[in-house]
PDB file of N, CA and C in Angstrom:
ATOM      1  N   UNK A   1       0.817  -1.156   0.001  1.00  0.00           N
ATOM      2  CA  UNK A   1       0.022   0.023   0.034  1.00  0.00           C
ATOM      3  C   UNK A   1       0.865   1.193   0.013  1.00  0.00           C
ATOM      4  N   UNK A   2       0.385   2.249  -0.642  1.00  0.00           N
ATOM      5  CA  UNK A   2       1.110   3.524  -0.676  1.00  0.00           C
ATOM      6  C   UNK A   2       0.918   4.176   0.620  1.00  0.00           C
ATOM      7  N   UNK A   3       1.899   4.918   1.104  1.00  0.00           N
ATOM      8  CA  UNK A   3       1.846   5.682   2.301  1.00  0.00           C
ATOM      9  C   UNK A   3       1.239   7.069   2.138  1.00  0.00           C
ATOM     10  N   UNK A   4       0.400   7.447   3.092  1.00  0.00           N
ATOM     11  CA  UNK A   4      -0.191   8.892   3.041  1.00  0.00           C
ATOM     12  C   UNK A   4      -1.392   9.074   2.207  1.00  0.00           C
ATOM     13  N   UNK A   5      -1.955   8.040   1.539  1.00  0.00           N
ATOM     14  CA  UNK A   5      -3.184   8.248   0.758  1.00  0.00           C
ATOM     15  C   UNK A   5      -4.410   7.677   1.389  1.00  0.00           C
ATOM     16  N   UNK A   6      -4.273   6.881   2.421  1.00  0.00           N
ATOM     17  CA  UNK A   6      -5.458   6.296   3.083  1.00  0.00           C
ATOM     18  C   UNK A   6      -5.842   7.145   4.348  1.00  0.00           C
ATOM     19  N   UNK A   7      -7.210   7.222   4.515  1.00  0.00           N
ATOM     20  CA  UNK A   7      -7.622   7.917   5.781  1.00  0.00           C
ATOM     21  C   UNK A   7      -7.244   7.175   7.040  1.00  0.00           C
ATOM     22  N   UNK A   8      -7.143   7.874   8.101  1.00  0.00           N
ATOM     23  CA  UNK A   8      -6.694   7.287   9.313  1.00  0.00           C
ATOM     24  C   UNK A   8      -7.947   6.580   9.977  1.00  0.00           C
ATOM     25  N   UNK A   9      -7.795   5.354  10.276  1.00  0.00           N
ATOM     26  CA  UNK A   9      -8.865   4.586  10.974  1.00  0.00           C
ATOM     27  C   UNK A   9      -8.563   4.577  12.483  1.00  0.00           C
ATOM     28  N   UNK A  10      -9.617   5.115  13.125  1.00  0.00           N
ATOM     29  CA  UNK A  10      -9.473   5.263  14.604  1.00  0.00           C
ATOM     30  C   UNK A  10     -10.651   4.657  15.279  1.00  0.00           C
ATOM     31  N   UNK A  11     -10.456   4.406  16.628  1.00  0.00           N
ATOM     32  CA  UNK A  11     -11.580   3.885  17.461  1.00  0.00           C
ATOM     33  C   UNK A  11     -12.514   5.049  17.793  1.00  0.00           C
ATOM     34  N   UNK A  12     -13.829   4.861  17.660  1.00  0.00           N
ATOM     35  CA  UNK A  12     -14.785   5.867  17.878  1.00  0.00           C
ATOM     36  C   UNK A  12     -15.832   5.403  18.896  1.00  0.00           C
ATOM     37  N   UNK A  13     -16.348   6.261  19.640  1.00  0.00           N
ATOM     38  CA  UNK A  13     -17.406   6.062  20.587  1.00  0.00           C
ATOM     39  C   UNK A  13     -18.655   6.751  20.056  1.00  0.00           C
ATOM     40  N   UNK A  14     -19.753   6.020  19.719  1.00  0.00           N
ATOM     41  CA  UNK A  14     -20.980   6.663  19.145  1.00  0.00           C
ATOM     42  C   UNK A  14     -22.051   6.593  20.191  1.00  0.00           C
ATOM     43  N   UNK A  15     -22.682   7.712  20.407  1.00  0.00           N
ATOM     44  CA  UNK A  15     -23.852   7.809  21.386  1.00  0.00           C
ATOM     45  C   UNK A  15     -25.050   8.087  20.647  1.00  0.00           C
ATOM     46  N   UNK A  16     -26.122   7.304  21.024  1.00  0.00           N
ATOM     47  CA  UNK A  16     -27.452   7.563  20.523  1.00  0.00           C
ATOM     48  C   UNK A  16     -28.174   8.391  21.455  1.00  0.00           C
ATOM     49  N   UNK A  17     -29.248   9.102  20.914  1.00  0.00           N
ATOM     50  CA  UNK A  17     -30.033   9.947  21.787  1.00  0.00           C
ATOM     51  C   UNK A  17     -30.814   9.226  22.808  1.00  0.00           C
ATOM     52  N   UNK A  18     -31.057   7.879  22.579  1.00  0.00           N
ATOM     53  CA  UNK A  18     -31.739   7.096  23.628  1.00  0.00           C
ATOM     54  C   UNK A  18     -30.849   6.717  24.799  1.00  0.00           C
ATOM     55  N   UNK A  19     -29.502   6.855  24.634  1.00  0.00           N
ATOM     56  CA  UNK A  19     -28.612   6.611  25.691  1.00  0.00           C
ATOM     57  C   UNK A  19     -27.715   5.428  25.454  1.00  0.00           C
ATOM     58  N   UNK A  20     -27.893   4.698  24.341  1.00  0.00           N
ATOM     59  CA  UNK A  20     -27.068   3.561  23.985  1.00  0.00           C
ATOM     60  C   UNK A  20     -25.725   4.068  23.524  1.00  0.00           C
ATOM     61  N   UNK A  21     -24.619   3.356  23.880  1.00  0.00           N
ATOM     62  CA  UNK A  21     -23.257   3.734  23.552  1.00  0.00           C
ATOM     63  C   UNK A  21     -22.598   2.493  22.749  1.00  0.00           C
ATOM     64  N   UNK A  22     -22.069   2.853  21.661  1.00  0.00           N
ATOM     65  CA  UNK A  22     -21.431   1.876  20.807  1.00  0.00           C
ATOM     66  C   UNK A  22     -19.915   2.222  20.589  1.00  0.00           C
ATOM     67  N   UNK A  23     -19.049   1.214  20.746  1.00  0.00           N
ATOM     68  CA  UNK A  23     -17.595   1.432  20.517  1.00  0.00           C
ATOM     69  C   UNK A  23     -17.324   0.783  19.162  1.00  0.00           C
ATOM     70  N   UNK A  24     -16.831   1.503  18.255  1.00  0.00           N
ATOM     71  CA  UNK A  24     -16.495   0.946  16.856  1.00  0.00           C
ATOM     72  C   UNK A  24     -15.334   1.676  16.325  1.00  0.00           C
ATOM     73  N   UNK A  25     -14.897   1.388  15.132  1.00  0.00           N
ATOM     74  CA  UNK A  25     -13.904   2.052  14.416  1.00  0.00           C
ATOM     75  C   UNK A  25     -14.398   2.673  13.194  1.00  0.00           C
ATOM     76  N   UNK A  26     -13.848   3.815  12.781  1.00  0.00           N
ATOM     77  CA  UNK A  26     -14.310   4.538  11.683  1.00  0.00           C
ATOM     78  C   UNK A  26     -13.208   5.517  11.152  1.00  0.00           C
ATOM     79  N   UNK A  27     -13.346   5.945   9.813  1.00  0.00           N
ATOM     80  CA  UNK A  27     -12.457   6.876   9.350  1.00  0.00           C
ATOM     81  C   UNK A  27     -12.958   8.278   9.493  1.00  0.00           C
ATOM     82  N   UNK A  28     -14.342   8.472   9.901  1.00  0.00           N
ATOM     83  CA  UNK A  28     -14.862   9.779  10.105  1.00  0.00           C
ATOM     84  C   UNK A  28     -15.263   9.871  11.520  1.00  0.00           C
ATOM     85  N   UNK A  29     -15.416  11.132  12.005  1.00  0.00           N
ATOM     86  CA  UNK A  29     -15.737  11.393  13.362  1.00  0.00           C
ATOM     87  C   UNK A  29     -17.259  11.569  13.484  1.00  0.00           C
ATOM     88  N   UNK A  30     -17.931  10.597  14.166  1.00  0.00           N
ATOM     89  CA  UNK A  30     -19.382  10.647  14.348  1.00  0.00           C
ATOM     90  C   UNK A  30     -19.661  10.475  15.750  1.00  0.00           C
ATOM     91  N   UNK A  31     -20.253  11.473  16.447  1.00  0.00           N
ATOM     92  CA  UNK A  31     -20.397  11.430  17.893  1.00  0.00           C
ATOM     93  C   UNK A  31     -21.812  10.995  18.285  1.00  0.00           C
ATOM     94  N   UNK A  32     -22.820  11.628  17.656  1.00  0.00           N
ATOM     95  CA  UNK A  32     -24.274  11.303  18.075  1.00  0.00           C
ATOM     96  C   UNK A  32     -25.009  10.771  16.812  1.00  0.00           C
ATOM     97  N   UNK A  33     -25.935   9.898  17.071  1.00  0.00           N
ATOM     98  CA  UNK A  33     -26.840   9.356  16.085  1.00  0.00           C
ATOM     99  C   UNK A  33     -28.278   9.547  16.620  1.00  0.00           C
ATOM    100  N   UNK A  34     -29.286   9.596  15.708  1.00  0.00           N
ATOM    101  CA  UNK A  34     -30.656   9.815  16.090  1.00  0.00           C
ATOM    102  C   UNK A  34     -31.401   8.505  16.501  1.00  0.00           C
ATOM    103  N   UNK A  35     -30.972   7.469  15.846  1.00  0.00           N
ATOM    104  CA  UNK A  35     -31.708   6.233  16.044  1.00  0.00           C
ATOM    105  C   UNK A  35     -30.788   5.058  15.934  1.00  0.00           C
ATOM    106  N   UNK A  36     -30.980   3.973  16.769  1.00  0.00           N
ATOM    107  CA  UNK A  36     -29.995   2.822  16.705  1.00  0.00           C
ATOM    108  C   UNK A  36     -30.857   1.592  16.895  1.00  0.00           C
ATOM    109  N   UNK A  37     -30.194   0.435  17.014  1.00  0.00           N
ATOM    110  CA  UNK A  37     -30.852  -0.800  17.150  1.00  0.00           C
ATOM    111  C   UNK A  37     -31.567  -0.931  18.510  1.00  0.00           C
ATOM    112  N   UNK A  38     -31.205  -0.173  19.489  1.00  0.00           N
ATOM    113  CA  UNK A  38     -31.810  -0.290  20.781  1.00  0.00           C
ATOM    114  C   UNK A  38     -33.130   0.475  20.837  1.00  0.00           C
ATOM    115  N   UNK A  39     -33.313   1.484  19.924  1.00  0.00           N
ATOM    116  CA  UNK A  39     -34.589   2.224  19.989  1.00  0.00           C
ATOM    117  C   UNK A  39     -35.321   2.273  18.711  1.00  0.00           C
ATOM    118  N   UNK A  40     -34.855   1.633  17.619  1.00  0.00           N
ATOM    119  CA  UNK A  40     -35.602   1.535  16.338  1.00  0.00           C
ATOM    120  C   UNK A  40     -36.830   0.537  16.496  1.00  0.00           C
ATOM    121  N   UNK A  41     -37.961   0.992  16.037  1.00  0.00           N
ATOM    122  CA  UNK A  41     -39.189   0.172  16.145  1.00  0.00           C
ATOM    123  C   UNK A  41     -39.121  -1.207  15.544  1.00  0.00           C
ATOM    124  N   UNK A  42     -38.323  -1.352  14.426  1.00  0.00           N
ATOM    125  CA  UNK A  42     -38.196  -2.626  13.795  1.00  0.00           C
ATOM    126  C   UNK A  42     -37.518  -3.656  14.655  1.00  0.00           C
ATOM    127  N   UNK A  43     -36.491  -3.236  15.354  1.00  0.00           N
ATOM    128  CA  UNK A  43     -35.738  -4.139  16.233  1.00  0.00           C
ATOM    129  C   UNK A  43     -36.334  -4.351  17.613  1.00  0.00           C
ATOM    130  N   UNK A  44     -37.050  -3.308  18.090  1.00  0.00           N
ATOM    131  CA  UNK A  44     -37.704  -3.375  19.445  1.00  0.00           C
ATOM    132  C   UNK A  44     -39.053  -4.083  19.406  1.00  0.00           C
ATOM    133  N   UNK A  45     -39.688  -3.986  18.248  1.00  0.00           N
ATOM    134  CA  UNK A  45     -41.080  -4.579  18.138  1.00  0.00           C
ATOM    135  C   UNK A  45     -42.161  -3.605  18.632  1.00  0.00           C
ATOM    136  N   UNK A  46     -41.807  -2.473  19.025  1.00  0.00           N
ATOM    137  CA  UNK A  46     -42.749  -1.507  19.549  1.00  0.00           C
ATOM    138  C   UNK A  46     -42.921  -0.459  18.389  1.00  0.00           C
ATOM    139  N   UNK A  47     -44.168  -0.148  18.085  1.00  0.00           N
ATOM    140  CA  UNK A  47     -44.485   0.784  17.062  1.00  0.00           C
ATOM    141  C   UNK A  47     -44.760   2.159  17.781  1.00  0.00           C
ATOM    142  N   UNK A  48     -44.258   3.203  17.144  1.00  0.00           N
ATOM    143  CA  UNK A  48     -44.536   4.519  17.689  1.00  0.00           C
ATOM    144  C   UNK A  48     -45.632   5.155  16.802  1.00  0.00           C
ATOM    145  N   UNK A  49     -46.643   5.624  17.550  1.00  0.00           N
ATOM    146  CA  UNK A  49     -47.791   6.264  16.878  1.00  0.00           C
ATOM    147  C   UNK A  49     -47.469   7.727  16.630  1.00  0.00           C
ATOM    148  N   UNK A  50     -47.388   8.048  15.335  1.00  0.00           N
ATOM    149  CA  UNK A  50     -47.003   9.427  14.981  1.00  0.00           C
ATOM    150  C   UNK A  50     -48.204  10.363  14.882  1.00  0.00           C
ATOM    151  N   UNK A  51     -49.302   9.798  14.514  1.00  0.00           N
ATOM    152  CA  UNK A  51     -50.581  10.621  14.409  1.00  0.00           C
ATOM    153  C   UNK A  51     -51.689   9.804  15.020  1.00  0.00           C
ATOM    154  N   UNK A  52     -52.699  10.488  15.504  1.00  0.00           N
ATOM    155  CA  UNK A  52     -53.796   9.850  16.178  1.00  0.00           C
ATOM    156  C   UNK A  52     -54.911   9.493  15.193  1.00  0.00           C
ATOM    157  N   UNK A  53     -54.890  10.160  14.036  1.00  0.00           N
ATOM    158  CA  UNK A  53     -55.871   9.902  13.024  1.00  0.00           C
ATOM    159  C   UNK A  53     -55.315   8.983  11.889  1.00  0.00           C
ATOM    160  N   UNK A  54     -56.039   7.976  11.448  1.00  0.00           N
ATOM    161  CA  UNK A  54     -55.526   7.104  10.360  1.00  0.00           C
ATOM    162  C   UNK A  54     -55.487   7.771   9.059  1.00  0.00           C
ATOM    163  N   UNK A  55     -54.850   7.054   8.110  1.00  0.00           N
ATOM    164  CA  UNK A  55     -54.712   7.599   6.775  1.00  0.00           C
ATOM    165  C   UNK A  55     -56.078   7.670   6.026  1.00  0.00           C
ATOM    166  N   UNK A  56     -56.891   6.642   6.181  1.00  0.00           N
ATOM    167  CA  UNK A  56     -58.183   6.648   5.459  1.00  0.00           C
ATOM    168  C   UNK A  56     -59.090   7.725   6.014  1.00  0.00           C
ATOM    169  N   UNK A  57     -59.022   7.888   7.308  1.00  0.00           N
ATOM    170  CA  UNK A  57     -59.863   9.019   7.943  1.00  0.00           C
ATOM    171  C   UNK A  57     -59.440  10.420   7.418  1.00  0.00           C
ATOM    172  N   UNK A  58     -58.070  10.512   7.339  1.00  0.00           N
ATOM    173  CA  UNK A  58     -57.594  11.885   6.796  1.00  0.00           C
ATOM    174  C   UNK A  58     -57.993  12.092   5.402  1.00  0.00           C
ATOM    175  N   UNK A  59     -57.980  10.981   4.565  1.00  0.00           N
ATOM    176  CA  UNK A  59     -58.375  11.101   3.180  1.00  0.00           C
ATOM    177  C   UNK A  59     -59.870  11.413   2.986  1.00  0.00           C
ATOM    178  N   UNK A  60     -60.694  10.794   3.817  1.00  0.00           N
ATOM    179  CA  UNK A  60     -62.110  11.077   3.792  1.00  0.00           C
ATOM    180  C   UNK A  60     -62.416  12.488   4.280  1.00  0.00           C
ATOM    181  N   UNK A  61     -61.681  12.916   5.281  1.00  0.00           N
ATOM    182  CA  UNK A  61     -61.919  14.309   5.795  1.00  0.00           C
ATOM    183  C   UNK A  61     -61.523  15.343   4.724  1.00  0.00           C
ATOM    184  N   UNK A  62     -60.455  15.081   4.076  1.00  0.00           N
ATOM    185  CA  UNK A  62     -59.920  16.013   3.044  1.00  0.00           C
ATOM    186  C   UNK A  62     -60.807  16.102   1.819  1.00  0.00           C
ATOM    187  N   UNK A  63     -61.161  14.895   1.276  1.00  0.00           N
ATOM    188  CA  UNK A  63     -61.905  14.902  -0.025  1.00  0.00           C
ATOM    189  C   UNK A  63     -63.374  14.634   0.153  1.00  0.00           C
ATOM    190  N   UNK A  64     -63.857  14.247   1.322  1.00  0.00           N
ATOM    191  CA  UNK A  64     -65.249  14.037   1.500  1.00  0.00           C
ATOM    192  C   UNK A  64     -65.628  12.604   1.059  1.00  0.00           C
ATOM    193  N   UNK A  65     -66.953  12.293   1.337  1.00  0.00           N
ATOM    194  CA  UNK A  65     -67.461  10.970   1.001  1.00  0.00           C
ATOM    195  C   UNK A  65     -67.836  10.811  -0.447  1.00  0.00           C
ATOM    196  N   UNK A  66     -68.152  11.996  -1.120  1.00  0.00           N
ATOM    197  CA  UNK A  66     -68.606  11.899  -2.506  1.00  0.00           C
ATOM    198  C   UNK A  66     -67.467  11.333  -3.404  1.00  0.00           C
ATOM    199  N   UNK A  67     -66.231  11.825  -3.085  1.00  0.00           N
ATOM    200  CA  UNK A  67     -65.092  11.303  -3.884  1.00  0.00           C
ATOM    201  C   UNK A  67     -64.867   9.856  -3.659  1.00  0.00           C
ATOM    202  N   UNK A  68     -64.976   9.350  -2.499  1.00  0.00           N
ATOM    203  CA  UNK A  68     -64.704   7.953  -2.196  1.00  0.00           C
ATOM    204  C   UNK A  68     -65.842   7.049  -2.736  1.00  0.00           C
ATOM    205  N   UNK A  69     -67.094   7.528  -2.905  1.00  0.00           N
ATOM    206  CA  UNK A  69     -68.187   6.658  -3.378  1.00  0.00           C
ATOM    207  C   UNK A  69     -68.345   6.607  -4.842  1.00  0.00           C
ATOM    208  N   UNK A  70     -67.552   7.445  -5.616  1.00  0.00           N
ATOM    209  CA  UNK A  70     -67.686   7.317  -7.097  1.00  0.00           C
ATOM    210  C   UNK A  70     -67.129   6.045  -7.581  1.00  0.00           C
ATOM    211  N   UNK A  71     -67.803   5.481  -8.565  1.00  0.00           N
ATOM    212  CA  UNK A  71     -67.368   4.274  -9.122  1.00  0.00           C
ATOM    213  C   UNK A  71     -66.431   4.551 -10.351  1.00  0.00           C
ATOM    214  N   UNK A  72     -65.468   3.730 -10.633  1.00  0.00           N
ATOM    215  CA  UNK A  72     -64.581   3.975 -11.759  1.00  0.00           C
ATOM    216  C   UNK A  72     -65.186   3.594 -13.065  1.00  0.00           C
ATOM    217  N   UNK A  73     -66.107   2.649 -13.114  1.00  0.00           N
ATOM    218  CA  UNK A  73     -66.715   2.143 -14.312  1.00  0.00           C
ATOM    219  C   UNK A  73     -68.032   2.959 -14.585  1.00  0.00           C
ATOM    220  N   UNK A  74     -68.292   3.348 -15.765  1.00  0.00           N
ATOM    221  CA  UNK A  74     -69.493   3.994 -16.086  1.00  0.00           C
ATOM    222  C   UNK A  74     -70.264   3.249 -17.190  1.00  0.00           C
TER     223      UNK A  74
END
C-alpha cells in the first residue's frame, strides 16, 4: 500500500439519543446518532404512533365521501 493516501482509521465512541453507547472504528468522526438498534421500532417490536388519526380518515376528511363513493366504471 502507498503511504499517506489512506484515511486514518481510529476507534470511535458513538452515542445514540436514547442513551445507548457503541464502540466501533471509523475513518470519520461521528459522535451522536438519532436512532439505533436499541430504539428503532423494527428491532424493538414497539411501534410509535406518529398521528392519532388514520390515513383513511384523513383522506375522507380532506376529500369528503362523494369522492370515495364514485365508481370508476360508467
